[in-house]
Amino acid sequence: MQEKTRKNEDTLIYLDACVLIAYYAVDEKEKDKKEKVLRALDAFNQADEVQLCTSMWAVAEMVNVLIYNKEMEAQDVATIESDFANERRLSDAKIKFVDVSPKGDYDFQEFFYHVRQGILSYHSGVADIIHSVIMRNNGIGHILTFDEKDDFKQIPDLTVINPGDIKLGGTISS
């Protein structure tokens, strides 16, 4: 399969930790979600002007859930984390990793100030607010998630996409 050349104009779609969890989990409860993720990854990989991305925060959340909720072996999860962080692929899709902010002088104090402001403004979970701050700092307006609590939908200027709604070519069904 020929790899696509990515352009600066590509729409960035951020992968929430639950997407990574569904992709890597081995339990039956994630089977349906994993199939939806695989279809979505295939569709986005074929789509023009789409770049999938995530952050090490999403990876850290994934590691925690795979070990403590999905009861996978820590060594297996460490291998998953290492492979993903180094290859930066899910299936055939190349994943861009974004930093907390592209600004070199953006520090912890400023980051956690923005997290606190998000918590007070949107009443979403802390983990989801952290994702939203990372996304806002990087100019990312779309998130692929199975979020069932609608935490992300409370955050303005954020388009929430469920993997089950993705059709071939990366289009979203209504």
C-alpha atoms as a PDB file:
ATOM      1  CA  MET A   1       0.000   0.000   0.000  1.00  0.00           C
ATOM      2  CA  GLN A   2       1.381   3.399  -0.963  1.00  0.00           C
ATOM      3  CA  GLU A   3       1.719   5.839   1.942  1.00  0.00           C
ATOM      4  CA  LYS A   4       0.028   9.183   1.486  1.00  0.00           C
ATOM      5  CA  THR A   5       1.998  12.399   1.590  1.00  0.00           C
ATOM      6  CA  ARG A   6       0.636  14.625   4.343  1.00  0.00           C
ATOM      7  CA  LYS A   7       0.101  18.340   3.815  1.00  0.00           C
ATOM      8  CA  ASN A   8      -0.161  21.227   6.258  1.00  0.00           C
ATOM      9  CA  GLU A   9      -3.796  21.750   5.193  1.00  0.00           C
ATOM     10  CA  ASP A  10      -4.827  18.270   6.347  1.00  0.00           C
ATOM     11  CA  THR A  11      -7.659  18.100   8.855  1.00  0.00           C
ATOM     12  CA  LEU A  12      -6.243  16.800  12.112  1.00  0.00           C
ATOM     13  CA  ILE A  13      -8.388  14.247  13.938  1.00  0.00           C
ATOM     14  CA  TYR A  14      -7.294  13.481  17.486  1.00  0.00           C
ATOM     15  CA  LEU A  15      -7.597   9.903  18.714  1.00  0.00           C
ATOM     16  CA  ASP A  16      -9.017   9.685  22.236  1.00  0.00           C
ATOM     17  CA  ALA A  17      -7.571   7.087  24.613  1.00  0.00           C
ATOM     18  CA  CYS A  18     -10.722   4.958  24.312  1.00  0.00           C
ATOM     19  CA  VAL A  19      -9.947   4.455  20.601  1.00  0.00           C
ATOM     20  CA  LEU A  20      -6.454   3.211  21.480  1.00  0.00           C
ATOM     21  CA  ILE A  21      -7.904   0.994  24.218  1.00  0.00           C
ATOM     22  CA  ALA A  22     -10.417  -0.559  21.815  1.00  0.00           C
ATOM     23  CA  TYR A  23      -7.646  -1.159  19.267  1.00  0.00           C
ATOM     24  CA  TYR A  24      -5.271  -2.900  21.701  1.00  0.00           C
ATOM     25  CA  ALA A  25      -7.584  -4.580  24.236  1.00  0.00           C
ATOM     26  CA  VAL A  26      -7.953  -8.333  23.931  1.00  0.00           C
ATOM     27  CA  ASP A  27     -11.191  -8.838  25.887  1.00  0.00           C
ATOM     28  CA  GLU A  28     -14.513  -9.667  24.249  1.00  0.00           C
ATOM     29  CA  LYS A  29     -16.146  -6.488  25.593  1.00  0.00           C
ATOM     30  CA  GLU A  30     -14.029  -4.389  23.215  1.00  0.00           C
ATOM     31  CA  LYS A  31     -14.536  -6.580  20.116  1.00  0.00           C
ATOM     32  CA  ASP A  32     -17.347  -4.484  18.575  1.00  0.00           C
ATOM     33  CA  LYS A  33     -15.505  -1.235  19.267  1.00  0.00           C
ATOM     34  CA  LYS A  34     -12.283  -2.662  17.824  1.00  0.00           C
ATOM     35  CA  GLU A  35     -14.072  -3.542  14.567  1.00  0.00           C
ATOM     36  CA  LYS A  36     -15.435   0.019  14.353  1.00  0.00           C
ATOM     37  CA  VAL A  37     -11.970   1.440  15.014  1.00  0.00           C
ATOM     38  CA  LEU A  38     -10.415  -0.765  12.317  1.00  0.00           C
ATOM     39  CA  ARG A  39     -13.050   0.324   9.777  1.00  0.00           C
ATOM     40  CA  ALA A  40     -12.567   3.981  10.722  1.00  0.00           C
ATOM     41  CA  LEU A  41      -8.765   3.712  10.472  1.00  0.00           C
ATOM     42  CA  ASP A  42      -9.067   2.114   7.049  1.00  0.00           C
ATOM     43  CA  ALA A  43     -11.495   4.804   5.879  1.00  0.00           C
ATOM     44  CA  PHE A  44      -9.349   7.670   7.168  1.00  0.00           C
ATOM     45  CA  ASN A  45      -6.229   6.116   5.704  1.00  0.00           C
ATOM     46  CA  GLN A  46      -7.901   6.231   2.281  1.00  0.00           C
ATOM     47  CA  ALA A  47      -9.212   9.772   2.766  1.00  0.00           C
ATOM     48  CA  ASP A  48      -7.416  12.762   1.303  1.00  0.00           C
ATOM     49  CA  GLU A  49      -6.489  15.656   3.549  1.00  0.00           C
ATOM     50  CA  VAL A  50      -6.930  13.821   6.871  1.00  0.00           C
ATOM     51  CA  GLN A  51      -4.172  13.282   9.426  1.00  0.00           C
ATOM     52  CA  LEU A  52      -4.849  11.199  12.519  1.00  0.00           C
ATOM     53  CA  CYS A  53      -3.033  12.297  15.649  1.00  0.00           C
ATOM     54  CA  THR A  54      -2.853  11.668  19.379  1.00  0.00           C
ATOM     55  CA  SER A  55      -0.692  12.547  22.371  1.00  0.00           C
ATOM     56  CA  MET A  56       1.351  10.794  25.000  1.00  0.00           C
ATOM     57  CA  TRP A  57      -1.454  11.705  27.419  1.00  0.00           C
ATOM     58  CA  ALA A  58      -3.798   9.415  25.443  1.00  0.00           C
ATOM     59  CA  VAL A  59      -1.113   6.717  25.491  1.00  0.00           C
ATOM     60  CA  ALA A  60      -0.697   7.089  29.272  1.00  0.00           C
ATOM     61  CA  GLU A  61      -4.462   6.730  29.757  1.00  0.00           C
ATOM     62  CA  MET A  62      -4.461   3.671  27.486  1.00  0.00           C
ATOM     63  CA  VAL A  63      -1.656   2.032  29.469  1.00  0.00           C
ATOM     64  CA  ASN A  64      -3.495   2.577  32.752  1.00  0.00           C
ATOM     65  CA  VAL A  65      -6.790   1.141  31.484  1.00  0.00           C
ATOM     66  CA  LEU A  66      -5.217  -1.845  29.700  1.00  0.00           C
ATOM     67  CA  ILE A  67      -3.365  -2.865  32.871  1.00  0.00           C
ATOM     68  CA  TYR A  68      -5.868  -2.025  35.616  1.00  0.00           C
ATOM     69  CA  ASN A  69      -9.268  -2.346  33.918  1.00  0.00           C
ATOM     70  CA  LYS A  70      -8.581  -4.822  31.136  1.00  0.00           C
ATOM     71  CA  GLU A  71      -6.139  -6.787  33.333  1.00  0.00           C
ATOM     72  CA  MET A  72      -3.522  -7.205  30.642  1.00  0.00           C
ATOM     73  CA  GLU A  73       0.029  -8.032  31.693  1.00  0.00           C
ATOM     74  CA  ALA A  74       2.148  -4.936  32.356  1.00  0.00           C
ATOM     75  CA  GLN A  75       4.992  -6.259  30.198  1.00  0.00           C
ATOM     76  CA  ASP A  76       2.616  -6.838  27.259  1.00  0.00           C
ATOM     77  CA  VAL A  77       1.247  -3.321  27.631  1.00  0.00           C
ATOM     78  CA  ALA A  78       4.783  -1.890  27.847  1.00  0.00           C
ATOM     79  CA  THR A  79       5.557  -3.595  24.530  1.00  0.00           C
ATOM     80  CA  ILE A  80       2.353  -2.186  22.994  1.00  0.00           C
ATOM     81  CA  GLU A  81       3.260   1.305  24.225  1.00  0.00           C
ATOM     82  CA  SER A  82       6.831   1.075  22.931  1.00  0.00           C
ATOM     83  CA  ASP A  83       5.810  -0.275  19.531  1.00  0.00           C
ATOM     84  CA  PHE A  84       3.104   2.360  19.091  1.00  0.00           C
ATOM     85  CA  ALA A  85       5.287   5.260  20.251  1.00  0.00           C
ATOM     86  CA  ASN A  86       8.102   4.210  17.917  1.00  0.00           C
ATOM     87  CA  GLU A  87       6.192   3.038  14.839  1.00  0.00           C
ATOM     88  CA  ARG A  88       3.386   5.563  15.226  1.00  0.00           C
ATOM     89  CA  ARG A  89       0.931   3.340  13.391  1.00  0.00           C
ATOM     90  CA  LEU A  90      -2.443   1.792  14.036  1.00  0.00           C
ATOM     91  CA  SER A  91      -3.079  -0.774  11.353  1.00  0.00           C
ATOM     92  CA  ASP A  92      -1.780   0.938   8.182  1.00  0.00           C
ATOM     93  CA  ALA A  93      -2.599   4.452   9.384  1.00  0.00           C
ATOM     94  CA  LYS A  94       0.349   6.667  10.327  1.00  0.00           C
ATOM     95  CA  ILE A  95      -0.386   8.595  13.522  1.00  0.00           C
ATOM     96  CA  LYS A  96       1.085  11.995  14.300  1.00  0.00           C
ATOM     97  CA  PHE A  97       1.981  12.603  17.952  1.00  0.00           C
ATOM     98  CA  VAL A  98       1.372  16.151  19.166  1.00  0.00           C
ATOM     99  CA  ASP A  99       3.032  17.824  22.134  1.00  0.00           C
ATOM    100  CA  VAL A 100       1.102  19.561  24.897  1.00  0.00           C
ATOM    101  CA  SER A 101       1.734  22.751  22.946  1.00  0.00           C
ATOM    102  CA  PRO A 102       3.876  23.743  19.988  1.00  0.00           C
ATOM    103  CA  LYS A 103       4.979  26.853  21.953  1.00  0.00           C
ATOM    104  CA  GLY A 104       8.453  26.346  23.366  1.00  0.00           C
ATOM    105  CA  ASP A 105       7.776  28.515  26.427  1.00  0.00           C
ATOM    106  CA  TYR A 106       4.456  26.862  27.368  1.00  0.00           C
ATOM    107  CA  ASP A 107       5.083  25.548  30.879  1.00  0.00           C
ATOM    108  CA  PHE A 108       3.296  23.384  33.468  1.00  0.00           C
ATOM    109  CA  GLN A 109       1.864  26.401  35.266  1.00  0.00           C
ATOM    110  CA  GLU A 110       0.197  27.690  32.107  1.00  0.00           C
ATOM    111  CA  PHE A 111      -0.932  24.201  31.070  1.00  0.00           C
ATOM    112  CA  PHE A 112      -2.597  23.462  34.407  1.00  0.00           C
ATOM    113  CA  TYR A 113      -4.123  26.934  34.496  1.00  0.00           C
ATOM    114  CA  HIS A 114      -5.810  26.071  31.180  1.00  0.00           C
ATOM    115  CA  VAL A 115      -6.868  22.679  32.569  1.00  0.00           C
ATOM    116  CA  ARG A 116      -8.424  24.339  35.647  1.00  0.00           C
ATOM    117  CA  GLN A 117     -10.210  26.868  33.428  1.00  0.00           C
ATOM    118  CA  GLY A 118     -11.610  24.011  31.338  1.00  0.00           C
ATOM    119  CA  ILE A 119     -12.828  22.133  34.399  1.00  0.00           C
ATOM    120  CA  LEU A 120     -14.582  25.229  35.735  1.00  0.00           C
ATOM    121  CA  SER A 121     -16.066  26.155  32.347  1.00  0.00           C
ATOM    122  CA  TYR A 122     -17.184  22.822  30.934  1.00  0.00           C
ATOM    123  CA  HIS A 123     -17.639  20.485  33.921  1.00  0.00           C
ATOM    124  CA  SER A 124     -16.097  17.635  31.957  1.00  0.00           C
ATOM    125  CA  GLY A 125     -13.779  14.995  33.400  1.00  0.00           C
ATOM    126  CA  VAL A 126     -10.181  16.015  34.062  1.00  0.00           C
ATOM    127  CA  ALA A 127      -8.770  13.534  31.525  1.00  0.00           C
ATOM    128  CA  ASP A 128     -11.048  14.865  28.778  1.00  0.00           C
ATOM    129  CA  ILE A 129     -10.197  18.470  29.649  1.00  0.00           C
ATOM    130  CA  ILE A 130      -6.484  17.613  29.363  1.00  0.00           C
ATOM    131  CA  HIS A 131      -7.143  16.195  25.894  1.00  0.00           C
ATOM    132  CA  SER A 132      -9.112  19.314  24.934  1.00  0.00           C
ATOM    133  CA  VAL A 133      -6.317  21.665  26.092  1.00  0.00           C
ATOM    134  CA  ILE A 134      -3.748  19.689  24.097  1.00  0.00           C
ATOM    135  CA  MET A 135      -6.057  19.799  21.078  1.00  0.00           C
ATOM    136  CA  ARG A 136      -6.759  23.530  21.377  1.00  0.00           C
ATOM    137  CA  ASN A 137      -3.055  24.311  21.774  1.00  0.00           C
ATOM    138  CA  ASN A 138      -2.349  22.397  18.543  1.00  0.00           C
ATOM    139  CA  GLY A 139      -5.275  23.793  16.531  1.00  0.00           C
ATOM    140  CA  ILE A 140      -7.119  20.442  16.457  1.00  0.00           C
ATOM    141  CA  GLY A 141     -10.909  20.703  16.221  1.00  0.00           C
ATOM    142  CA  HIS A 142     -11.959  17.057  15.749  1.00  0.00           C
ATOM    143  CA  ILE A 143     -11.806  14.085  18.111  1.00  0.00           C
ATOM    144  CA  LEU A 144     -12.487  10.415  17.370  1.00  0.00           C
ATOM    145  CA  THR A 145     -14.001   8.934  20.518  1.00  0.00           C
ATOM    146  CA  PHE A 146     -16.528   6.509  21.946  1.00  0.00           C
ATOM    147  CA  ASP A 147     -17.165   9.032  24.767  1.00  0.00           C
ATOM    148  CA  GLU A 148     -20.532   8.001  26.111  1.00  0.00           C
ATOM    149  CA  LYS A 149     -20.763  10.702  28.778  1.00  0.00           C
ATOM    150  CA  ASP A 150     -20.741  13.459  26.149  1.00  0.00           C
ATOM    151  CA  ASP A 151     -17.944  15.273  28.022  1.00  0.00           C
ATOM    152  CA  PHE A 152     -16.369  16.404  24.762  1.00  0.00           C
ATOM    153  CA  LYS A 153     -19.671  17.679  23.372  1.00  0.00           C
ATOM    154  CA  GLN A 154     -19.762  20.255  26.189  1.00  0.00           C
ATOM    155  CA  ILE A 155     -16.558  21.850  24.901  1.00  0.00           C
ATOM    156  CA  PRO A 156     -17.131  24.558  22.267  1.00  0.00           C
ATOM    157  CA  ASP A 157     -15.460  24.432  18.849  1.00  0.00           C
ATOM    158  CA  LEU A 158     -14.857  20.691  19.135  1.00  0.00           C
ATOM    159  CA  THR A 159     -16.354  18.236  16.660  1.00  0.00           C
ATOM    160  CA  VAL A 160     -16.946  14.824  18.221  1.00  0.00           C
ATOM    161  CA  ILE A 161     -16.804  11.838  15.853  1.00  0.00           C
ATOM    162  CA  ASN A 162     -17.789   8.308  16.826  1.00  0.00           C
ATOM    163  CA  PRO A 163     -15.771   5.613  14.993  1.00  0.00           C
ATOM    164  CA  GLY A 164     -19.022   3.812  14.165  1.00  0.00           C
ATOM    165  CA  ASP A 165     -20.161   6.820  12.129  1.00  0.00           C
ATOM    166  CA  ILE A 166     -17.210   6.729   9.708  1.00  0.00           C
ATOM    167  CA  LYS A 167     -17.789   5.476   6.192  1.00  0.00           C
ATOM    168  CA  LEU A 168     -15.305   4.533   3.466  1.00  0.00           C
ATOM    169  CA  GLY A 169     -13.303   7.543   2.326  1.00  0.00           C
ATOM    170  CA  GLY A 170     -13.408   9.078   5.792  1.00  0.00           C
ATOM    171  CA  THR A 171     -16.876  10.606   5.490  1.00  0.00           C
ATOM    172  CA  ILE A 172     -19.119  10.834   8.513  1.00  0.00           C
ATOM    173  CA  SER A 173     -22.661   9.497   8.397  1.00  0.00           C
ATOM    174  CA  SER A 174     -25.419  11.483  10.044  1.00  0.00           C
END
